[in-house]
């Protein structure tokens, strides 16, 4: 079904409530039963929407997801609610009262902006996607603050809005798009649109955007949530505290760039620190290393080593117990000797696949001990470092 309208009728809404918690394994039996009383196409649409809502819980939470309407691409590409709420807060801090949300998708960012008290024009050129955004504004009681318009964003006048938020499409028929100029609309167009906003703008881009592609007048912010890097955002228009920042959610915890040189390489100390992915993407490992009085195990790898345990939100600390040259037999023997039952394998700068190594060295548990092994390089030499999370 390429139209949400039947699901918005009383019959469609009642059917959505009925199938809300359907186990995918029982879908066929449920569909067969419901088609005796409802049109087959409506039943299929309701069950499909129920599946999308179940997937959306991870991003939007159960309370919102069970009321919202989704498209397959909308679930996949929409912003996680915690990230959208954080970004809406940054707009609010700038004194923004209205935002033109261009390429709004199913409305995740528009919802967060409206809940922050900001008036939103949400624009998307895809009819089904725009219909979902409109239905979501209605379902969550935000229609007074969200106007949804089906249009080409390059033809929308945004002069009446304090700020602009652009989330260009970064997927095509062949999957992810890595060239910012191949975004839809292109990054260059989005940047020019951002520069016209009176109180600033934000452009959502892929976390892998090259630093050299960031405009000189933008602040680049990499955001992680629960340790997973979710996105990068280019901010325009207001005086920036720093050209680059890494923000960790929940929190938020924000680390600002200070233009430090790369940390030096030093021998492994008692502790290894694994920086958060947002810190690494933002090239702020040096800022964390300085906090820890640490250095790098290898000039090309983002593992920090230090002699002391200094808790930091920007990196996870491990106490290192063993350092070995890489070797499957040596590791297997050591795990047997230590009575290891749970092995966590992490790697940077190694071609070895963690799952493959785990199968080879620990085909079955030897006991109840837990060990983390880091496959990396120490000043260029393939090395295994064994340890456990610092307490």
Protein backbone atom coordinates (compact mmCIF):
# COMPACT_ATOMS: atom_id res chain seq x y z
CA UNK A 1 0.00 0.00 0.00
CA UNK A 2 1.51 3.33 -1.09
CA UNK A 3 -1.05 5.44 0.74
CA UNK A 4 -1.40 5.92 4.48
CA UNK A 5 -4.97 7.21 4.21
CA UNK A 6 -6.69 3.82 4.80
CA UNK A 7 -4.70 3.36 8.00
CA UNK A 8 -5.87 6.76 9.24
CA UNK A 9 -9.57 5.80 9.04
CA UNK A 10 -11.37 4.48 12.15
CA UNK A 11 -11.21 0.95 10.68
CA UNK A 12 -7.50 1.29 9.93
CA UNK A 13 -6.66 2.68 13.38
CA UNK A 14 -8.65 -0.07 15.10
CA UNK A 15 -6.82 -2.66 13.03
CA UNK A 16 -3.46 -1.12 13.93
CA UNK A 17 -4.35 -1.40 17.62
CA UNK A 18 -5.33 -5.02 17.14
CA UNK A 19 -2.12 -6.09 15.41
CA UNK A 20 0.25 -3.88 17.42
CA UNK A 21 1.98 -6.69 19.32
CA UNK A 22 1.80 -9.36 16.63
CA UNK A 23 4.72 -11.77 16.71
CA UNK A 24 6.23 -11.96 13.19
CA UNK A 25 6.16 -15.76 13.51
CA UNK A 26 2.36 -15.63 13.82
CA UNK A 27 1.69 -13.05 11.10
CA UNK A 28 0.30 -15.51 8.56
CA UNK A 29 -2.29 -16.90 10.97
CA UNK A 30 -3.27 -13.39 12.13
CA UNK A 31 -3.57 -12.16 8.53
CA UNK A 32 -5.71 -15.12 7.53
CA UNK A 33 -8.10 -14.47 10.40
CA UNK A 34 -8.36 -10.71 9.88
CA UNK A 35 -8.95 -10.97 6.11
CA UNK A 36 -12.31 -12.57 6.84
CA UNK A 37 -13.52 -9.20 8.15
CA UNK A 38 -11.24 -6.59 6.53
CA UNK A 39 -9.87 -5.91 3.02
CA UNK A 40 -6.72 -7.94 2.36
CA UNK A 41 -4.73 -4.86 1.35
CA UNK A 42 -5.65 -3.05 4.58
CA UNK A 43 -4.66 -6.06 6.68
CA UNK A 44 -1.28 -6.28 4.93
CA UNK A 45 -0.72 -2.55 5.41
CA UNK A 46 -1.57 -2.75 9.11
CA UNK A 47 0.73 -5.69 9.71
CA UNK A 48 3.50 -3.96 7.76
CA UNK A 49 3.05 -0.82 9.82
CA UNK A 50 3.13 -2.87 13.03
CA UNK A 51 6.50 -4.33 11.99
CA UNK A 52 7.85 -0.85 11.28
CA UNK A 53 6.61 0.42 14.64
CA UNK A 54 8.33 -2.45 16.41
CA UNK A 55 11.59 -1.59 14.65
CA UNK A 56 11.15 2.09 15.48
CA UNK A 57 11.00 1.51 19.24
CA UNK A 58 14.81 1.54 19.40
CA UNK A 59 14.89 5.07 17.96
CA UNK A 60 11.69 6.65 19.25
CA UNK A 61 10.77 4.71 22.38
CA UNK A 62 7.71 2.51 22.76
CA UNK A 63 5.25 5.25 23.69
CA UNK A 64 5.86 7.34 20.56
CA UNK A 65 6.61 4.48 18.16
CA UNK A 66 3.27 2.76 18.79
CA UNK A 67 1.42 5.94 17.76
CA UNK A 68 3.56 7.06 14.84
CA UNK A 69 3.49 6.14 11.16
CA UNK A 70 6.56 4.97 9.28
CA UNK A 71 7.91 4.05 5.88
CA UNK A 72 10.72 1.48 5.56
CA UNK A 73 13.21 4.20 4.61
CA UNK A 74 11.81 6.43 7.33
CA UNK A 75 12.64 3.95 10.06
CA UNK A 76 16.10 3.36 8.64
CA UNK A 77 17.10 6.96 8.02
CA UNK A 78 15.30 8.95 10.71
CA UNK A 79 17.22 10.55 13.55
CA UNK A 80 17.22 8.81 16.93
CA UNK A 81 14.91 10.77 19.28
CA UNK A 82 17.67 11.42 21.83
CA UNK A 83 19.91 12.95 19.15
CA UNK A 84 17.07 15.02 17.69
CA UNK A 85 16.17 16.34 21.15
CA UNK A 86 19.79 17.32 21.81
CA UNK A 87 20.00 19.18 18.49
CA UNK A 88 16.67 20.92 19.14
CA UNK A 89 18.13 22.08 22.46
CA UNK A 90 21.09 23.65 20.66
CA UNK A 91 18.72 25.53 18.39
CA UNK A 92 16.76 26.69 21.44
CA UNK A 93 19.96 27.93 23.09
CA UNK A 94 20.55 30.15 20.06
CA UNK A 95 17.20 31.84 20.55
CA UNK A 96 15.63 30.11 17.54
CA UNK A 97 11.82 30.18 17.51
CA UNK A 98 11.18 28.82 14.01
CA UNK A 99 12.98 26.32 11.77
CA UNK A 100 12.60 25.26 8.15
CA UNK A 101 13.23 21.49 8.32
CA UNK A 102 14.24 20.55 4.79
CA UNK A 103 14.20 16.87 3.79
CA UNK A 104 12.16 16.21 6.93
CA UNK A 105 11.56 12.49 6.33
CA UNK A 106 8.86 11.05 8.58
CA UNK A 107 9.28 14.02 10.94
CA UNK A 108 11.59 12.85 13.72
CA UNK A 109 13.53 16.12 13.91
CA UNK A 110 10.41 18.23 13.43
CA UNK A 111 8.85 16.47 16.43
CA UNK A 112 11.87 17.21 18.62
CA UNK A 113 11.94 20.85 17.53
CA UNK A 114 8.22 21.27 18.20
CA UNK A 115 8.55 19.69 21.63
CA UNK A 116 11.22 22.31 22.34
CA UNK A 117 8.59 24.98 21.55
CA UNK A 118 9.94 25.79 18.09
CA UNK A 119 7.62 26.36 15.12
CA UNK A 120 8.54 24.09 12.20
CA UNK A 121 8.00 24.02 8.46
CA UNK A 122 8.70 20.38 7.54
CA UNK A 123 9.35 19.79 3.84
CA UNK A 124 9.80 16.58 1.85
CA UNK A 125 9.23 15.93 -1.83
CA UNK A 126 8.11 12.30 -1.44
CA UNK A 127 4.29 12.13 -1.09
CA UNK A 128 4.22 9.08 1.19
CA UNK A 129 6.99 10.42 3.42
CA UNK A 130 5.29 13.80 3.73
CA UNK A 131 2.02 12.05 4.56
CA UNK A 132 3.79 10.12 7.33
CA UNK A 133 5.27 13.32 8.75
CA UNK A 134 1.82 14.94 8.72
CA UNK A 135 0.25 11.91 10.39
CA UNK A 136 2.96 11.91 13.05
CA UNK A 137 2.47 15.56 13.90
CA UNK A 138 -1.23 14.81 14.35
CA UNK A 139 -0.68 11.59 16.31
CA UNK A 140 1.60 13.35 18.79
CA UNK A 141 -0.56 16.47 19.15
CA UNK A 142 1.93 18.83 17.48
CA UNK A 143 -0.05 20.14 14.50
CA UNK A 144 -0.14 23.68 15.88
CA UNK A 145 3.66 23.85 15.67
CA UNK A 146 4.39 21.67 12.63
CA UNK A 147 3.34 22.53 9.09
CA UNK A 148 4.17 19.74 6.62
CA UNK A 149 4.63 20.63 2.97
CA UNK A 150 5.18 18.26 0.06
CA UNK A 151 7.67 20.09 -2.15
CA UNK A 152 11.16 20.16 -3.62
CA UNK A 153 13.27 21.73 -0.87
CA UNK A 154 15.32 23.70 -3.39
CA UNK A 155 12.17 25.61 -4.32
CA UNK A 156 10.99 26.46 -0.78
CA UNK A 157 11.32 30.01 0.53
CA UNK A 158 12.86 29.93 4.02
CA UNK A 159 13.32 33.66 4.66
CA UNK A 160 10.49 33.72 7.20
CA UNK A 161 12.24 31.26 9.52
CA UNK A 162 15.00 31.92 12.06
CA UNK A 163 16.99 28.83 11.18
CA UNK A 164 17.33 26.05 8.65
CA UNK A 165 17.92 22.37 9.27
CA UNK A 166 18.83 20.21 6.26
CA UNK A 167 19.08 16.44 6.29
CA UNK A 168 20.03 15.50 2.70
CA UNK A 169 19.36 11.99 1.44
CA UNK A 170 22.58 10.00 1.70
CA UNK A 171 21.35 6.77 0.16
CA UNK A 172 20.74 5.94 -3.48
CA UNK A 173 19.78 2.91 -5.49
CA UNK A 174 23.21 1.39 -4.81
CA UNK A 175 23.31 2.06 -1.07
CA UNK A 176 25.17 4.69 0.94
CA UNK A 177 26.46 7.80 -0.81
CA UNK A 178 29.91 8.92 0.35
CA UNK A 179 30.45 11.93 -1.91
CA UNK A 180 28.77 14.95 -0.22
CA UNK A 181 28.08 16.46 -3.64
CA UNK A 182 26.07 13.35 -4.53
CA UNK A 183 23.71 13.93 -1.59
CA UNK A 184 20.16 14.94 -2.50
CA UNK A 185 20.27 17.93 -2.40
CA UNK A 186 24.06 18.34 -2.77
CA UNK A 187 26.02 19.56 0.24
CA UNK A 188 27.04 22.73 -1.61
CA UNK A 189 23.37 23.71 -2.04
CA UNK A 190 22.64 22.94 1.63
CA UNK A 191 25.60 25.07 2.74
CA UNK A 192 24.38 28.06 0.74
CA UNK A 193 20.88 27.62 2.17
CA UNK A 194 22.38 27.48 5.67
CA UNK A 195 24.32 30.70 5.23
CA UNK A 196 21.14 32.67 4.53
CA UNK A 197 19.46 31.80 7.87
CA UNK A 198 19.31 34.67 10.32
CA UNK A 199 19.98 32.70 13.50
CA UNK A 200 22.05 29.88 12.09
CA UNK A 201 21.58 26.49 10.58
CA UNK A 202 22.48 22.85 10.98
CA UNK A 203 23.25 20.34 8.24
CA UNK A 204 23.19 16.63 9.04
CA UNK A 205 25.95 14.77 7.24
CA UNK A 206 27.46 11.28 7.32
CA UNK A 207 29.87 10.65 10.22
CA UNK A 208 32.53 9.69 7.69
CA UNK A 209 32.61 13.12 6.04
CA UNK A 210 36.23 14.11 5.38
CA UNK A 211 37.38 16.99 7.57
CA UNK A 212 38.63 18.77 4.47
CA UNK A 213 35.04 18.83 3.15
CA UNK A 214 33.85 20.88 6.14
CA UNK A 215 33.38 24.57 5.18
CA UNK A 216 35.72 26.98 6.96
CA UNK A 217 32.81 28.92 8.49
CA UNK A 218 31.13 25.83 9.99
CA UNK A 219 31.48 24.07 13.30
CA UNK A 220 31.64 20.29 12.82
CA UNK A 221 30.09 18.20 15.57
CA UNK A 222 30.22 14.42 15.81
CA UNK A 223 27.53 12.84 18.01
CA UNK A 224 27.47 9.41 19.60
CA UNK A 225 24.67 7.85 21.63
CA UNK A 226 25.43 5.03 24.02
CA UNK A 227 28.86 4.69 22.47
CA UNK A 228 27.65 4.40 18.87
CA UNK A 229 28.45 7.24 16.45
CA UNK A 230 25.15 8.40 14.99
CA UNK A 231 25.89 11.43 12.84
CA UNK A 232 27.88 14.53 12.15
CA UNK A 233 26.34 18.01 12.05
CA UNK A 234 27.67 21.18 10.47
CA UNK A 235 26.56 24.29 12.38
CA UNK A 236 26.50 27.75 10.80
CA UNK A 237 25.71 31.29 11.72
CA UNK A 238 26.53 31.74 15.39
CA UNK A 239 29.87 32.39 17.02
CA UNK A 240 31.36 28.94 17.55
CA UNK A 241 33.15 27.91 20.74
CA UNK A 242 35.49 25.73 18.66
CA UNK A 243 35.70 24.56 15.04
CA UNK A 244 35.20 20.92 16.05
CA UNK A 245 33.44 19.17 18.90
CA UNK A 246 32.49 15.66 19.94
CA UNK A 247 29.27 15.17 21.88
CA UNK A 248 28.39 12.03 23.79
CA UNK A 249 24.84 11.12 24.71
CA UNK A 250 23.27 10.60 27.16
CA UNK A 251 24.60 13.60 29.00
CA UNK A 252 25.38 15.49 26.95
CA UNK A 253 29.14 15.53 27.40
CA UNK A 254 30.94 17.75 24.91
CA UNK A 255 34.64 17.87 24.13
CA UNK A 256 35.92 20.91 22.23
CA UNK A 257 38.93 20.98 19.94
CA UNK A 258 41.95 22.94 21.11
CA UNK A 259 44.18 22.39 18.10
CA UNK A 260 46.60 20.12 19.95
CA UNK A 261 49.32 18.26 18.05
CA UNK A 262 49.10 14.49 17.74
CA UNK A 263 50.09 12.66 20.93
CA UNK A 264 53.48 11.01 21.04
CA UNK A 265 54.02 7.25 20.91
CA UNK A 266 55.06 5.58 24.15
CA UNK A 267 55.44 2.05 25.54
CA UNK A 268 52.28 0.42 26.91
CA UNK A 269 51.44 1.50 30.44
CA UNK A 270 49.19 -0.17 32.95
CA UNK A 271 46.03 1.17 31.32
CA UNK A 272 44.67 1.27 27.78
CA UNK A 273 41.96 3.80 26.88
CA UNK A 274 39.58 3.25 23.98
CA UNK A 275 38.23 6.68 22.92
CA UNK A 276 34.55 7.06 22.06
CA UNK A 277 33.87 6.86 18.32
CA UNK A 278 32.74 10.49 18.19
CA UNK A 279 36.07 11.57 19.69
CA UNK A 280 37.95 9.58 17.05
CA UNK A 281 35.82 10.87 14.15
CA UNK A 282 36.29 14.43 15.39
CA UNK A 283 40.08 13.94 15.54
CA UNK A 284 40.12 14.85 19.24
CA UNK A 285 42.17 11.93 20.54
CA UNK A 286 44.94 14.39 21.47
CA UNK A 287 42.59 16.30 23.76
CA UNK A 288 41.71 13.08 25.60
CA UNK A 289 45.33 11.91 25.76
CA UNK A 290 46.30 15.19 27.41
CA UNK A 291 43.59 14.73 30.06
CA UNK A 292 44.97 11.27 30.79
CA UNK A 293 48.65 12.21 30.62
CA UNK A 294 48.91 9.45 28.05
CA UNK A 295 50.33 8.67 24.65
CA UNK A 296 49.59 6.42 21.70
CA UNK A 297 50.54 2.76 21.33
CA UNK A 298 51.14 3.45 17.64
CA UNK A 299 51.18 6.69 15.68
CA UNK A 300 48.37 5.54 13.37
CA UNK A 301 46.02 3.92 15.91
CA UNK A 302 43.59 5.61 18.31
CA UNK A 303 44.44 3.61 21.43
CA UNK A 304 45.76 5.69 24.32
CA UNK A 305 48.02 4.22 26.98
CA UNK A 306 48.75 5.68 30.41
CA UNK A 307 50.16 4.67 33.78
CA UNK A 308 47.24 5.89 35.89
CA UNK A 309 43.49 5.26 35.88
CA UNK A 310 41.69 8.55 35.36
CA UNK A 311 37.98 8.02 34.64
CA UNK A 312 36.77 10.08 31.67
CA UNK A 313 33.48 10.07 29.77
CA UNK A 314 35.39 10.31 26.51
CA UNK A 315 37.16 6.94 26.67
CA UNK A 316 36.71 3.49 28.21
CA UNK A 317 39.57 2.37 30.42
CA UNK A 318 41.03 -1.15 30.58
CA UNK A 319 43.67 -2.46 32.94
CA UNK A 320 46.27 -4.38 30.93
CA UNK A 321 47.65 -7.59 32.44
CA UNK A 322 49.62 -9.12 29.55
CA UNK A 323 51.45 -8.04 26.41
CA UNK A 324 52.25 -10.68 23.79
CA UNK A 325 53.39 -10.74 20.16
CA UNK A 326 50.48 -11.86 18.01
CA UNK A 327 50.10 -15.64 17.98
CA UNK A 328 47.07 -17.91 18.05
CA UNK A 329 48.79 -20.76 19.92
CA UNK A 330 50.14 -18.47 22.63
CA UNK A 331 46.76 -16.87 23.18
CA UNK A 332 44.94 -20.21 23.23
CA UNK A 333 47.31 -21.59 25.85
CA UNK A 334 47.02 -18.50 28.02
CA UNK A 335 43.23 -18.59 27.96
CA UNK A 336 43.28 -22.24 29.00
CA UNK A 337 45.70 -21.48 31.82
CA UNK A 338 43.56 -18.56 33.08
CA UNK A 339 40.35 -20.61 32.95
CA UNK A 340 38.68 -18.08 30.63
CA UNK A 341 35.03 -18.59 29.73
CA UNK A 342 34.18 -15.21 28.17
CA UNK A 343 36.47 -13.57 25.61
CA UNK A 344 35.94 -10.10 24.15
CA UNK A 345 38.06 -9.32 21.10
CA UNK A 346 38.70 -5.73 20.02
CA UNK A 347 40.95 -4.64 17.20
CA UNK A 348 42.51 -1.61 15.57
CA UNK A 349 45.25 -1.90 13.00
CA UNK A 350 44.84 -5.66 12.63
CA UNK A 351 43.49 -7.66 9.69
CA UNK A 352 42.34 -10.50 11.95
CA UNK A 353 38.57 -10.96 12.24
CA UNK A 354 37.50 -11.04 15.93
CA UNK A 355 34.89 -13.79 15.47
CA UNK A 356 37.32 -16.01 13.60
CA UNK A 357 39.96 -15.58 16.29
CA UNK A 358 37.44 -16.26 19.05
CA UNK A 359 36.44 -19.55 17.43
CA UNK A 360 40.06 -20.63 17.13
CA UNK A 361 41.31 -19.74 20.60
CA UNK A 362 38.19 -20.40 22.69
CA UNK A 363 36.06 -23.07 21.00
CA UNK A 364 34.55 -23.86 24.40
CA UNK A 365 34.72 -22.18 27.85
CA UNK A 366 37.51 -23.22 30.17
CA UNK A 367 35.99 -21.59 33.25
CA UNK A 368 34.27 -18.43 34.44
CA UNK A 369 37.00 -15.81 33.98
CA UNK A 370 36.51 -12.94 31.52
CA UNK A 371 39.24 -11.41 29.38
CA UNK A 372 39.41 -8.66 26.78
CA UNK A 373 42.10 -8.98 24.13
CA UNK A 374 43.16 -6.04 21.96
CA UNK A 375 44.63 -6.90 18.57
CA UNK A 376 46.68 -3.89 17.58
CA UNK A 377 50.16 -2.61 16.85
CA UNK A 378 52.64 -1.30 19.38
CA UNK A 379 55.00 1.06 17.59
CA UNK A 380 54.41 -0.87 14.37
CA UNK A 381 54.63 -4.44 15.74
CA UNK A 382 51.50 -6.71 15.71
CA UNK A 383 50.64 -7.16 19.38
CA UNK A 384 48.05 -8.70 21.69
CA UNK A 385 47.20 -6.83 24.89
CA UNK A 386 45.08 -8.67 27.45
CA UNK A 387 43.13 -7.05 30.22
CA UNK A 388 39.76 -6.18 31.69
CA UNK A 389 37.61 -3.06 32.18
CA UNK A 390 39.20 -0.84 34.82
CA UNK A 391 37.36 -0.69 38.12
